[in-house]
């Protein structure tokens, strides 16, 4: 359910147990994550131990979670201002790991979000406002869902609205810095709406861009609006950035793919090109 200072809290049918991970996990460079399915040994006279981490269907570095079905990206309509590249890298990371991205816009009473709806209109992603609580609960039911986003976007506030009994701590935006303070310190799972919700620590844009890298040959498939057109390019080696005969660039020119999304793709492609194989 969560890990703090080397202790991991595991929920079982018999209750919640505080455990330490067995030393062999350190040798295997494997760390238990919120969302892991594990086997434990409970002892009366010694500390309880996590003995096995079951195979994961996925695992993310940022946020550090495992076995996620849906990734809810909470995006503020105002401070902290939305950054398309951050949103798009998160959706790509989700797509790579076969996690369904869901975009939830907060603070929509303070600024319109029609521009953002237009950017993501051709992605097929579910887009909701944080006031649509019943719709969000329906997406959580029966699933493992992680909530993520920049610090200060209102993740904990939203989870409190979905399940008031949790009473998670929240904080105001720093007027000086224009961003939120980190109120969630670690990934932690809560029971919400007949599903499991992982509240994760907020991050800065720089944090995200320095984490998981998607290889350039995998990147285009992480943009769902690209997928059906990737074989339509004139050249099989097309990078889909600027080549003549590129089907993706043609769709951008015709307004069928958002220029903002294509710009993010090009930035991420250049980032991926700069990473050497041994750095992955």
C-alpha atoms as a PDB file:
ATOM      1  CA  UNK A   1       0.000   0.000   0.000  1.00  0.00           C
ATOM      2  CA  UNK A   2       2.960   2.337   0.666  1.00  0.00           C
ATOM      3  CA  UNK A   3       6.609   2.411   1.624  1.00  0.00           C
ATOM      4  CA  UNK A   4       8.306   4.764   4.089  1.00  0.00           C
ATOM      5  CA  UNK A   5      11.954   4.704   5.157  1.00  0.00           C
ATOM      6  CA  UNK A   6      12.551   1.092   4.178  1.00  0.00           C
ATOM      7  CA  UNK A   7       9.307  -0.164   5.725  1.00  0.00           C
ATOM      8  CA  UNK A   8       6.504  -1.406   3.493  1.00  0.00           C
ATOM      9  CA  UNK A   9       2.859  -1.646   4.482  1.00  0.00           C
ATOM     10  CA  UNK A  10       1.099  -4.650   2.976  1.00  0.00           C
ATOM     11  CA  UNK A  11      -2.652  -5.172   3.017  1.00  0.00           C
ATOM     12  CA  UNK A  12      -3.904  -8.743   3.411  1.00  0.00           C
ATOM     13  CA  UNK A  13      -7.212 -10.406   4.273  1.00  0.00           C
ATOM     14  CA  UNK A  14      -5.922 -10.574   7.853  1.00  0.00           C
ATOM     15  CA  UNK A  15      -5.089  -6.872   8.089  1.00  0.00           C
ATOM     16  CA  UNK A  16      -2.270  -4.423   7.367  1.00  0.00           C
ATOM     17  CA  UNK A  17       1.301  -5.519   8.148  1.00  0.00           C
ATOM     18  CA  UNK A  18       4.523  -3.519   8.392  1.00  0.00           C
ATOM     19  CA  UNK A  19       7.299  -5.390   6.576  1.00  0.00           C
ATOM     20  CA  UNK A  20      10.918  -5.123   5.531  1.00  0.00           C
ATOM     21  CA  UNK A  21      12.012  -6.288   2.094  1.00  0.00           C
ATOM     22  CA  UNK A  22      14.357  -9.273   2.028  1.00  0.00           C
ATOM     23  CA  UNK A  23      17.980  -8.406   1.325  1.00  0.00           C
ATOM     24  CA  UNK A  24      18.070 -10.288  -1.963  1.00  0.00           C
ATOM     25  CA  UNK A  25      15.838  -7.643  -3.561  1.00  0.00           C
ATOM     26  CA  UNK A  26      18.662  -5.119  -3.092  1.00  0.00           C
ATOM     27  CA  UNK A  27      21.061  -7.454  -4.907  1.00  0.00           C
ATOM     28  CA  UNK A  28      18.511  -7.831  -7.701  1.00  0.00           C
ATOM     29  CA  UNK A  29      18.061  -4.015  -7.774  1.00  0.00           C
ATOM     30  CA  UNK A  30      14.362  -4.529  -7.171  1.00  0.00           C
ATOM     31  CA  UNK A  31      12.353  -2.218  -4.905  1.00  0.00           C
ATOM     32  CA  UNK A  32       8.775  -2.931  -3.790  1.00  0.00           C
ATOM     33  CA  UNK A  33       6.364  -0.393  -5.264  1.00  0.00           C
ATOM     34  CA  UNK A  34       2.867   0.715  -4.337  1.00  0.00           C
ATOM     35  CA  UNK A  35       0.601  -1.592  -6.315  1.00  0.00           C
ATOM     36  CA  UNK A  36       2.860  -4.645  -6.149  1.00  0.00           C
ATOM     37  CA  UNK A  37       1.365  -8.037  -5.395  1.00  0.00           C
ATOM     38  CA  UNK A  38       3.637  -9.660  -2.823  1.00  0.00           C
ATOM     39  CA  UNK A  39       4.034 -12.686  -0.565  1.00  0.00           C
ATOM     40  CA  UNK A  40       4.972 -11.988   3.048  1.00  0.00           C
ATOM     41  CA  UNK A  41       5.959 -13.850   6.192  1.00  0.00           C
ATOM     42  CA  UNK A  42       4.438 -12.621   9.461  1.00  0.00           C
ATOM     43  CA  UNK A  43       6.410 -13.370  12.627  1.00  0.00           C
ATOM     44  CA  UNK A  44       5.714 -12.836  16.318  1.00  0.00           C
ATOM     45  CA  UNK A  45       9.319 -12.389  17.445  1.00  0.00           C
ATOM     46  CA  UNK A  46      10.979 -10.789  14.419  1.00  0.00           C
ATOM     47  CA  UNK A  47      10.121  -8.226  11.789  1.00  0.00           C
ATOM     48  CA  UNK A  48       7.767  -9.280   9.030  1.00  0.00           C
ATOM     49  CA  UNK A  49       9.297  -9.694   5.583  1.00  0.00           C
ATOM     50  CA  UNK A  50       8.302  -9.350   1.954  1.00  0.00           C
ATOM     51  CA  UNK A  51       9.534 -12.630   0.446  1.00  0.00           C
ATOM     52  CA  UNK A  52       8.337 -12.376  -3.135  1.00  0.00           C
ATOM     53  CA  UNK A  53       7.258  -9.678  -5.562  1.00  0.00           C
ATOM     54  CA  UNK A  54       4.918 -11.211  -8.112  1.00  0.00           C
ATOM     55  CA  UNK A  55       5.514 -10.476 -11.814  1.00  0.00           C
ATOM     56  CA  UNK A  56       4.340  -6.963 -12.712  1.00  0.00           C
ATOM     57  CA  UNK A  57       2.229  -6.122 -15.726  1.00  0.00           C
ATOM     58  CA  UNK A  58       3.838  -2.664 -15.672  1.00  0.00           C
ATOM     59  CA  UNK A  59       5.928  -0.377 -13.486  1.00  0.00           C
ATOM     60  CA  UNK A  60       6.579   3.356 -13.683  1.00  0.00           C
ATOM     61  CA  UNK A  61       9.584   5.311 -12.474  1.00  0.00           C
ATOM     62  CA  UNK A  62       7.699   8.570 -11.998  1.00  0.00           C
ATOM     63  CA  UNK A  63       5.382   8.080 -10.212  1.00  0.00           C
ATOM     64  CA  UNK A  64       6.976   4.907  -8.719  1.00  0.00           C
ATOM     65  CA  UNK A  65       3.992   2.542  -8.933  1.00  0.00           C
ATOM     66  CA  UNK A  66       3.180  -0.889 -10.358  1.00  0.00           C
ATOM     67  CA  UNK A  67       0.278  -2.801 -11.907  1.00  0.00           C
ATOM     68  CA  UNK A  68      -1.655   0.317 -12.883  1.00  0.00           C
ATOM     69  CA  UNK A  69      -4.758   0.127 -15.106  1.00  0.00           C
ATOM     70  CA  UNK A  70      -5.428   3.857 -15.514  1.00  0.00           C
ATOM     71  CA  UNK A  71      -3.237   6.919 -15.076  1.00  0.00           C
ATOM     72  CA  UNK A  72      -5.220  10.039 -14.172  1.00  0.00           C
ATOM     73  CA  UNK A  73      -3.314  13.163 -15.210  1.00  0.00           C
ATOM     74  CA  UNK A  74      -4.612  16.093 -13.194  1.00  0.00           C
ATOM     75  CA  UNK A  75      -4.030  19.310 -15.150  1.00  0.00           C
ATOM     76  CA  UNK A  76      -4.619  22.769 -13.722  1.00  0.00           C
ATOM     77  CA  UNK A  77      -6.318  25.362 -15.931  1.00  0.00           C
ATOM     78  CA  UNK A  78      -4.308  28.065 -14.113  1.00  0.00           C
ATOM     79  CA  UNK A  79      -1.293  28.044 -11.805  1.00  0.00           C
ATOM     80  CA  UNK A  80       0.610  25.830 -12.102  1.00  0.00           C
ATOM     81  CA  UNK A  81       0.078  26.471 -15.796  1.00  0.00           C
ATOM     82  CA  UNK A  82      -0.321  23.391 -18.036  1.00  0.00           C
ATOM     83  CA  UNK A  83       2.758  22.402 -20.023  1.00  0.00           C
ATOM     84  CA  UNK A  84       1.907  20.378 -23.145  1.00  0.00           C
ATOM     85  CA  UNK A  85       5.299  18.624 -23.238  1.00  0.00           C
ATOM     86  CA  UNK A  86       4.854  17.382 -19.661  1.00  0.00           C
ATOM     87  CA  UNK A  87       1.341  16.134 -20.365  1.00  0.00           C
ATOM     88  CA  UNK A  88       2.450  14.451 -23.577  1.00  0.00           C
ATOM     89  CA  UNK A  89       5.443  12.748 -22.026  1.00  0.00           C
ATOM     90  CA  UNK A  90       3.212  11.351 -19.281  1.00  0.00           C
ATOM     91  CA  UNK A  91       0.678  10.051 -21.779  1.00  0.00           C
ATOM     92  CA  UNK A  92       3.495   8.464 -23.797  1.00  0.00           C
ATOM     93  CA  UNK A  93       4.889   6.758 -20.710  1.00  0.00           C
ATOM     94  CA  UNK A  94       1.401   5.444 -19.945  1.00  0.00           C
ATOM     95  CA  UNK A  95       0.912   4.236 -23.525  1.00  0.00           C
ATOM     96  CA  UNK A  96       4.284   2.487 -23.532  1.00  0.00           C
ATOM     97  CA  UNK A  97       3.286   0.618 -20.381  1.00  0.00           C
ATOM     98  CA  UNK A  98      -0.216  -0.240 -21.650  1.00  0.00           C
ATOM     99  CA  UNK A  99      -1.890   2.046 -19.127  1.00  0.00           C
ATOM    100  CA  UNK A 100      -4.965   4.047 -20.130  1.00  0.00           C
ATOM    101  CA  UNK A 101      -4.391   7.797 -19.726  1.00  0.00           C
ATOM    102  CA  UNK A 102      -7.282   9.925 -18.441  1.00  0.00           C
ATOM    103  CA  UNK A 103      -7.035  13.742 -18.448  1.00  0.00           C
ATOM    104  CA  UNK A 104      -8.745  15.561 -15.576  1.00  0.00           C
ATOM    105  CA  UNK A 105      -8.791  19.350 -15.644  1.00  0.00           C
ATOM    106  CA  UNK A 106      -8.903  21.228 -12.341  1.00  0.00           C
ATOM    107  CA  UNK A 107      -9.630  24.888 -11.524  1.00  0.00           C
ATOM    108  CA  UNK A 108     -11.794  25.196 -14.633  1.00  0.00           C
ATOM    109  CA  UNK A 109     -13.865  27.881 -12.885  1.00  0.00           C
ATOM    110  CA  UNK A 110     -10.815  30.165 -13.188  1.00  0.00           C
ATOM    111  CA  UNK A 111      -9.938  29.698 -16.866  1.00  0.00           C
ATOM    112  CA  UNK A 112     -11.411  28.058 -19.997  1.00  0.00           C
ATOM    113  CA  UNK A 113     -10.003  24.723 -21.206  1.00  0.00           C
ATOM    114  CA  UNK A 114     -11.449  24.577 -24.725  1.00  0.00           C
ATOM    115  CA  UNK A 115      -7.956  24.965 -26.199  1.00  0.00           C
ATOM    116  CA  UNK A 116      -6.818  21.857 -24.325  1.00  0.00           C
ATOM    117  CA  UNK A 117      -9.866  19.895 -25.412  1.00  0.00           C
ATOM    118  CA  UNK A 118      -9.018  20.731 -29.034  1.00  0.00           C
ATOM    119  CA  UNK A 119      -5.391  19.650 -28.628  1.00  0.00           C
ATOM    120  CA  UNK A 120      -6.407  16.197 -27.373  1.00  0.00           C
ATOM    121  CA  UNK A 121      -9.616  15.771 -29.388  1.00  0.00           C
ATOM    122  CA  UNK A 122      -8.091  13.214 -31.800  1.00  0.00           C
ATOM    123  CA  UNK A 123      -6.280  11.145 -29.144  1.00  0.00           C
ATOM    124  CA  UNK A 124      -9.317   9.233 -27.929  1.00  0.00           C
ATOM    125  CA  UNK A 125      -8.403  10.035 -24.326  1.00  0.00           C
ATOM    126  CA  UNK A 126     -11.184  10.499 -21.798  1.00  0.00           C
ATOM    127  CA  UNK A 127     -11.216  14.153 -20.697  1.00  0.00           C
ATOM    128  CA  UNK A 128     -13.115  15.236 -17.587  1.00  0.00           C
ATOM    129  CA  UNK A 129     -13.290  18.149 -15.186  1.00  0.00           C
ATOM    130  CA  UNK A 130     -12.584  17.599 -11.512  1.00  0.00           C
ATOM    131  CA  UNK A 131     -16.214  18.391 -10.698  1.00  0.00           C
ATOM    132  CA  UNK A 132     -17.442  15.313 -12.610  1.00  0.00           C
ATOM    133  CA  UNK A 133     -17.035  13.096  -9.575  1.00  0.00           C
ATOM    134  CA  UNK A 134     -19.508  10.366 -10.553  1.00  0.00           C
ATOM    135  CA  UNK A 135     -17.808   9.896 -13.928  1.00  0.00           C
ATOM    136  CA  UNK A 136     -14.391   9.712 -12.246  1.00  0.00           C
ATOM    137  CA  UNK A 137     -15.671   7.196  -9.673  1.00  0.00           C
ATOM    138  CA  UNK A 138     -17.015   5.029 -12.499  1.00  0.00           C
ATOM    139  CA  UNK A 139     -13.552   4.938 -14.103  1.00  0.00           C
ATOM    140  CA  UNK A 140     -11.937   4.006 -10.765  1.00  0.00           C
ATOM    141  CA  UNK A 141     -14.337   1.165  -9.923  1.00  0.00           C
ATOM    142  CA  UNK A 142     -12.647  -2.238 -10.153  1.00  0.00           C
ATOM    143  CA  UNK A 143      -9.327  -0.745 -11.309  1.00  0.00           C
ATOM    144  CA  UNK A 144      -5.932   0.262  -9.947  1.00  0.00           C
ATOM    145  CA  UNK A 145      -5.609   3.966 -10.748  1.00  0.00           C
ATOM    146  CA  UNK A 146      -2.694   6.323 -10.139  1.00  0.00           C
ATOM    147  CA  UNK A 147      -3.233  10.087  -9.850  1.00  0.00           C
ATOM    148  CA  UNK A 148      -0.330  12.229 -10.967  1.00  0.00           C
ATOM    149  CA  UNK A 149       0.479  15.761 -12.077  1.00  0.00           C
ATOM    150  CA  UNK A 150       2.559  18.818 -11.267  1.00  0.00           C
ATOM    151  CA  UNK A 151       2.695  19.915  -7.642  1.00  0.00           C
ATOM    152  CA  UNK A 152      -0.272  22.107  -6.790  1.00  0.00           C
ATOM    153  CA  UNK A 153      -2.735  20.926  -9.456  1.00  0.00           C
ATOM    154  CA  UNK A 154      -5.123  19.556  -6.841  1.00  0.00           C
ATOM    155  CA  UNK A 155      -4.617  15.771  -6.828  1.00  0.00           C
ATOM    156  CA  UNK A 156      -5.158  15.358  -3.097  1.00  0.00           C
ATOM    157  CA  UNK A 157      -8.052  17.829  -3.149  1.00  0.00           C
ATOM    158  CA  UNK A 158      -9.734  15.760  -5.866  1.00  0.00           C
ATOM    159  CA  UNK A 159      -9.186  12.478  -4.025  1.00  0.00           C
ATOM    160  CA  UNK A 160     -10.663  14.071  -0.886  1.00  0.00           C
ATOM    161  CA  UNK A 161     -13.736  15.024  -2.915  1.00  0.00           C
ATOM    162  CA  UNK A 162     -14.043  11.451  -4.194  1.00  0.00           C
ATOM    163  CA  UNK A 163     -13.608   9.976  -0.707  1.00  0.00           C
ATOM    164  CA  UNK A 164     -14.031  12.663   2.008  1.00  0.00           C
ATOM    165  CA  UNK A 165     -13.195  10.237   4.820  1.00  0.00           C
ATOM    166  CA  UNK A 166      -9.542  10.127   3.662  1.00  0.00           C
ATOM    167  CA  UNK A 167      -8.927  13.799   4.569  1.00  0.00           C
ATOM    168  CA  UNK A 168      -5.581  13.986   2.728  1.00  0.00           C
ATOM    169  CA  UNK A 169      -3.461  17.053   3.440  1.00  0.00           C
ATOM    170  CA  UNK A 170      -3.426  19.811   0.825  1.00  0.00           C
ATOM    171  CA  UNK A 171      -1.551  23.068   0.338  1.00  0.00           C
ATOM    172  CA  UNK A 172      -1.938  26.353  -1.471  1.00  0.00           C
ATOM    173  CA  UNK A 173       0.033  27.457  -4.521  1.00  0.00           C
ATOM    174  CA  UNK A 174       3.113  29.526  -3.761  1.00  0.00           C
ATOM    175  CA  UNK A 175       2.470  32.967  -5.239  1.00  0.00           C
ATOM    176  CA  UNK A 176       6.210  33.633  -5.462  1.00  0.00           C
ATOM    177  CA  UNK A 177       7.071  30.425  -7.311  1.00  0.00           C
ATOM    178  CA  UNK A 178       3.798  29.855  -9.158  1.00  0.00           C
ATOM    179  CA  UNK A 179       3.747  26.186  -8.235  1.00  0.00           C
ATOM    180  CA  UNK A 180       2.504  23.947  -5.490  1.00  0.00           C
ATOM    181  CA  UNK A 181       4.286  22.577  -2.485  1.00  0.00           C
ATOM    182  CA  UNK A 182       4.754  18.809  -2.284  1.00  0.00           C
ATOM    183  CA  UNK A 183       2.033  17.681   0.143  1.00  0.00           C
ATOM    184  CA  UNK A 184       2.128  13.979  -0.795  1.00  0.00           C
ATOM    185  CA  UNK A 185       5.520  12.546   0.157  1.00  0.00           C
ATOM    186  CA  UNK A 186       5.224   9.004  -1.181  1.00  0.00           C
ATOM    187  CA  UNK A 187       2.949   6.911  -3.343  1.00  0.00           C
ATOM    188  CA  UNK A 188       0.151   5.491  -1.210  1.00  0.00           C
ATOM    189  CA  UNK A 189      -2.880   3.376  -2.089  1.00  0.00           C
ATOM    190  CA  UNK A 190      -6.389   4.125  -0.843  1.00  0.00           C
ATOM    191  CA  UNK A 191      -9.698   2.331  -1.293  1.00  0.00           C
ATOM    192  CA  UNK A 192     -11.927   4.662  -3.318  1.00  0.00           C
ATOM    193  CA  UNK A 193     -15.163   3.987  -5.249  1.00  0.00           C
ATOM    194  CA  UNK A 194     -14.724   0.183  -5.229  1.00  0.00           C
ATOM    195  CA  UNK A 195     -11.268   0.522  -6.720  1.00  0.00           C
ATOM    196  CA  UNK A 196      -7.720   1.330  -5.654  1.00  0.00           C
ATOM    197  CA  UNK A 197      -6.326   4.839  -6.007  1.00  0.00           C
ATOM    198  CA  UNK A 198      -2.627   5.652  -5.741  1.00  0.00           C
ATOM    199  CA  UNK A 199      -1.941   9.222  -4.663  1.00  0.00           C
ATOM    200  CA  UNK A 200       1.571  10.150  -5.768  1.00  0.00           C
ATOM    201  CA  UNK A 201       4.050  12.864  -4.905  1.00  0.00           C
ATOM    202  CA  UNK A 202       3.825  15.937  -7.116  1.00  0.00           C
ATOM    203  CA  UNK A 203       6.696  16.766  -9.420  1.00  0.00           C
ATOM    204  CA  UNK A 204       8.254  19.641 -11.291  1.00  0.00           C
ATOM    205  CA  UNK A 205       8.512  19.660 -15.078  1.00  0.00           C
ATOM    206  CA  UNK A 206      12.279  19.169 -14.839  1.00  0.00           C
ATOM    207  CA  UNK A 207      11.816  16.058 -12.672  1.00  0.00           C
ATOM    208  CA  UNK A 208       9.706  14.411 -15.321  1.00  0.00           C
ATOM    209  CA  UNK A 209      11.851  15.229 -18.320  1.00  0.00           C
ATOM    210  CA  UNK A 210      14.885  13.695 -16.607  1.00  0.00           C
ATOM    211  CA  UNK A 211      13.200  10.360 -15.919  1.00  0.00           C
ATOM    212  CA  UNK A 212      11.994   7.607 -18.204  1.00  0.00           C
ATOM    213  CA  UNK A 213      13.129   7.814 -21.827  1.00  0.00           C
ATOM    214  CA  UNK A 214      11.139   6.207 -24.632  1.00  0.00           C
ATOM    215  CA  UNK A 215      13.336   4.998 -27.486  1.00  0.00           C
ATOM    216  CA  UNK A 216      12.854   6.863 -30.751  1.00  0.00           C
ATOM    217  CA  UNK A 217      11.627   3.783 -32.631  1.00  0.00           C
ATOM    218  CA  UNK A 218       8.879   3.248 -30.017  1.00  0.00           C
ATOM    219  CA  UNK A 219       7.786   6.856 -29.687  1.00  0.00           C
ATOM    220  CA  UNK A 220       5.392   7.328 -32.624  1.00  0.00           C
ATOM    221  CA  UNK A 221       3.255   4.378 -31.504  1.00  0.00           C
ATOM    222  CA  UNK A 222       2.801   6.118 -28.136  1.00  0.00           C
ATOM    223  CA  UNK A 223       0.754   8.834 -29.889  1.00  0.00           C
ATOM    224  CA  UNK A 224      -2.616   7.139 -30.570  1.00  0.00           C
ATOM    225  CA  UNK A 225      -3.617   9.645 -33.257  1.00  0.00           C
ATOM    226  CA  UNK A 226      -0.479   8.649 -35.220  1.00  0.00           C
ATOM    227  CA  UNK A 227      -0.902   4.873 -35.149  1.00  0.00           C
ATOM    228  CA  UNK A 228      -3.244   4.258 -38.078  1.00  0.00           C
ATOM    229  CA  UNK A 229      -1.077   6.383 -40.384  1.00  0.00           C
ATOM    230  CA  UNK A 230       2.482   5.278 -39.630  1.00  0.00           C
ATOM    231  CA  UNK A 231       2.660   2.975 -42.669  1.00  0.00           C
ATOM    232  CA  UNK A 232       1.351   5.649 -45.044  1.00  0.00           C
ATOM    233  CA  UNK A 233       4.599   7.602 -45.237  1.00  0.00           C
ATOM    234  CA  UNK A 234       6.585   7.602 -48.492  1.00  0.00           C
ATOM    235  CA  UNK A 235       9.701   6.199 -46.800  1.00  0.00           C
ATOM    236  CA  UNK A 236       9.810   3.332 -44.322  1.00  0.00           C
ATOM    237  CA  UNK A 237      12.576   5.126 -42.397  1.00  0.00           C
ATOM    238  CA  UNK A 238      10.446   8.258 -41.869  1.00  0.00           C
ATOM    239  CA  UNK A 239      10.968   9.851 -38.468  1.00  0.00           C
ATOM    240  CA  UNK A 240       7.625  11.703 -38.754  1.00  0.00           C
ATOM    241  CA  UNK A 241       9.297  14.978 -37.848  1.00  0.00           C
ATOM    242  CA  UNK A 242       9.788  16.926 -41.107  1.00  0.00           C
ATOM    243  CA  UNK A 243      10.344  14.594 -44.080  1.00  0.00           C
ATOM    244  CA  UNK A 244       8.682  15.023 -47.465  1.00  0.00           C
ATOM    245  CA  UNK A 245       5.985  12.419 -47.974  1.00  0.00           C
ATOM    246  CA  UNK A 246       5.385  12.035 -44.241  1.00  0.00           C
ATOM    247  CA  UNK A 247       1.742  11.120 -43.608  1.00  0.00           C
ATOM    248  CA  UNK A 248       1.882  12.463 -40.053  1.00  0.00           C
ATOM    249  CA  UNK A 249       3.192  15.874 -41.135  1.00  0.00           C
ATOM    250  CA  UNK A 250       0.454  16.017 -43.794  1.00  0.00           C
ATOM    251  CA  UNK A 251      -2.199  15.389 -41.135  1.00  0.00           C
ATOM    252  CA  UNK A 252      -0.713  18.168 -39.010  1.00  0.00           C
ATOM    253  CA  UNK A 253      -0.839  20.551 -41.988  1.00  0.00           C
ATOM    254  CA  UNK A 254      -4.502  19.667 -42.572  1.00  0.00           C
ATOM    255  CA  UNK A 255      -5.347  20.246 -38.923  1.00  0.00           C
ATOM    256  CA  UNK A 256      -6.215  16.589 -38.288  1.00  0.00           C
ATOM    257  CA  UNK A 257      -3.438  16.234 -35.716  1.00  0.00           C
ATOM    258  CA  UNK A 258      -2.725  19.005 -33.239  1.00  0.00           C
ATOM    259  CA  UNK A 259       0.463  21.006 -33.980  1.00  0.00           C
ATOM    260  CA  UNK A 260       1.046  21.070 -30.218  1.00  0.00           C
ATOM    261  CA  UNK A 261       1.089  17.277 -30.052  1.00  0.00           C
ATOM    262  CA  UNK A 262       3.407  17.020 -33.048  1.00  0.00           C
ATOM    263  CA  UNK A 263       5.736  19.598 -31.521  1.00  0.00           C
ATOM    264  CA  UNK A 264       5.918  17.482 -28.349  1.00  0.00           C
ATOM    265  CA  UNK A 265       6.614  14.403 -30.462  1.00  0.00           C
ATOM    266  CA  UNK A 266       9.505  16.152 -32.233  1.00  0.00           C
ATOM    267  CA  UNK A 267      10.990  17.324 -28.924  1.00  0.00           C
ATOM    268  CA  UNK A 268      10.754  13.840 -27.406  1.00  0.00           C
ATOM    269  CA  UNK A 269      12.191  12.309 -30.594  1.00  0.00           C
ATOM    270  CA  UNK A 270      15.244  14.569 -30.429  1.00  0.00           C
ATOM    271  CA  UNK A 271      15.620  13.718 -26.741  1.00  0.00           C
ATOM    272  CA  UNK A 272      15.474  10.001 -27.527  1.00  0.00           C
ATOM    273  CA  UNK A 273      18.034  10.374 -30.338  1.00  0.00           C
ATOM    274  CA  UNK A 274      20.524  11.914 -27.925  1.00  0.00           C
ATOM    275  CA  UNK A 275      20.398   8.964 -25.530  1.00  0.00           C
ATOM    276  CA  UNK A 276      23.059   6.330 -26.108  1.00  0.00           C
ATOM    277  CA  UNK A 277      22.006   2.640 -25.872  1.00  0.00           C
ATOM    278  CA  UNK A 278      24.168   2.050 -22.793  1.00  0.00           C
ATOM    279  CA  UNK A 279      22.431   4.907 -20.990  1.00  0.00           C
ATOM    280  CA  UNK A 280      19.016   3.238 -21.154  1.00  0.00           C
END
